[in-house]
C-alpha cells in the first residue's frame, strides 16, 4: 500500500518570494490610488481589512483543499486562478 504524505509547508525563500509578489501588487495599486488622490487613511483601512479577511479565508480553504488534493493542490489552485483570469478577461465578472 502506498504511503500518503501531507503536503509540504511553504517556508524559506518560497514564502518570501510569494510575500514579495503580493507586496508588489499592493504597491502598484497604491500608485494608482495615489494618482487618483484617494484619501490615504480610507485606502489603508479598506485594504487592510480586505487583505486580512481574504488571507484568513484563503488559508482555511487552502488547508481543506490541501487535504483533498495533497501535493497537487498548487496545480488545482493554479487552474482556478487561470479560470478566474479567463472569466475576467472575457468580461464575465
Protein backbone atom coordinates (compact mmCIF):
# COMPACT_ATOMS: atom_id res chain seq x y z
CA UNK A 1 0.00 0.00 0.00
CA UNK A 2 1.41 3.43 -0.94
CA UNK A 3 2.18 5.85 1.85
CA UNK A 4 0.50 9.23 1.66
CA UNK A 5 2.44 12.18 2.90
CA UNK A 6 0.93 15.51 3.86
CA UNK A 7 1.68 18.49 1.60
CA UNK A 8 4.89 20.30 2.49
CA UNK A 9 4.50 23.65 4.18
CA UNK A 10 5.80 26.74 2.46
CA UNK A 11 8.84 28.12 4.17
CA UNK A 12 12.05 29.96 3.48
CA UNK A 13 12.57 31.51 0.06
CA UNK A 14 9.32 30.22 -1.38
CA UNK A 15 7.28 32.03 1.24
CA UNK A 16 9.43 35.16 0.97
CA UNK A 17 9.03 35.34 -2.83
CA UNK A 18 5.25 34.89 -2.54
CA UNK A 19 5.04 37.69 0.01
CA UNK A 20 7.18 39.96 -2.16
CA UNK A 21 4.97 39.30 -5.21
CA UNK A 22 1.86 40.25 -3.25
CA UNK A 23 3.56 43.35 -1.91
CA UNK A 24 4.48 44.46 -5.43
CA UNK A 25 0.84 44.06 -6.42
CA UNK A 26 -0.20 46.23 -3.48
CA UNK A 27 2.45 48.77 -4.45
CA UNK A 28 1.02 49.04 -7.97
CA UNK A 29 -2.49 49.54 -6.60
CA UNK A 30 -1.15 52.16 -4.19
CA UNK A 31 0.41 54.08 -7.06
CA UNK A 32 -2.87 54.07 -8.95
CA UNK A 33 -4.85 55.20 -5.90
CA UNK A 34 -2.30 57.91 -5.20
CA UNK A 35 -2.65 59.20 -8.74
CA UNK A 36 -6.42 59.43 -8.20
CA UNK A 37 -5.96 61.32 -4.89
CA UNK A 38 -7.79 58.71 -2.80
CA UNK A 39 -7.61 59.54 0.93
CA UNK A 40 -4.71 57.59 2.45
CA UNK A 41 -6.43 56.56 5.70
CA UNK A 42 -9.52 55.23 3.92
CA UNK A 43 -7.40 53.25 1.45
CA UNK A 44 -5.21 51.76 4.21
CA UNK A 45 -8.19 50.72 6.33
CA UNK A 46 -10.12 49.20 3.43
CA UNK A 47 -7.09 47.35 2.04
CA UNK A 48 -6.07 46.16 5.50
CA UNK A 49 -9.49 44.74 6.32
CA UNK A 50 -9.94 43.03 2.96
CA UNK A 51 -6.38 41.67 2.98
CA UNK A 52 -6.78 40.19 6.45
CA UNK A 53 -10.21 38.66 5.80
CA UNK A 54 -9.34 37.21 2.42
CA UNK A 55 -5.98 35.90 3.64
CA UNK A 56 -7.66 34.08 6.54
CA UNK A 57 -10.35 32.73 4.23
CA UNK A 58 -7.71 31.56 1.75
CA UNK A 59 -5.70 29.85 4.48
CA UNK A 60 -8.75 27.98 5.73
CA UNK A 61 -9.91 26.94 2.26
CA UNK A 62 -6.36 26.10 1.23
CA UNK A 63 -5.92 23.82 4.24
CA UNK A 64 -9.08 21.92 3.32
CA UNK A 65 -8.11 21.81 -0.36
CA UNK A 66 -4.66 20.55 0.62
CA UNK A 67 -6.18 17.62 2.49
CA UNK A 68 -8.19 16.63 -0.56
CA UNK A 69 -5.62 17.24 -3.30
CA UNK A 70 -2.35 16.63 -1.45
CA UNK A 71 0.72 17.73 -3.43
CA UNK A 72 -1.47 18.57 -6.44
CA UNK A 73 -3.06 21.45 -4.53
CA UNK A 74 -0.83 24.00 -6.23
CA UNK A 75 -1.91 22.76 -9.65
CA UNK A 76 -5.59 22.92 -8.67
CA UNK A 77 -5.13 26.46 -7.28
CA UNK A 78 -3.33 27.49 -10.49
CA UNK A 79 -6.15 26.13 -12.64
CA UNK A 80 -8.70 28.02 -10.54
CA UNK A 81 -6.70 31.25 -10.93
CA UNK A 82 -6.48 30.75 -14.70
CA UNK A 83 -10.24 30.18 -14.88
CA UNK A 84 -10.85 33.35 -12.86
CA UNK A 85 -8.47 35.32 -15.08
CA UNK A 86 -10.20 33.97 -18.19
CA UNK A 87 -13.61 34.94 -16.84
CA UNK A 88 -12.36 38.44 -16.04
CA UNK A 89 -10.73 38.77 -19.48
CA UNK A 90 -13.97 37.80 -21.15
CA UNK A 91 -15.75 40.42 -19.02
CA UNK A 92 -17.91 37.83 -17.23
CA UNK A 93 -17.01 39.23 -13.79
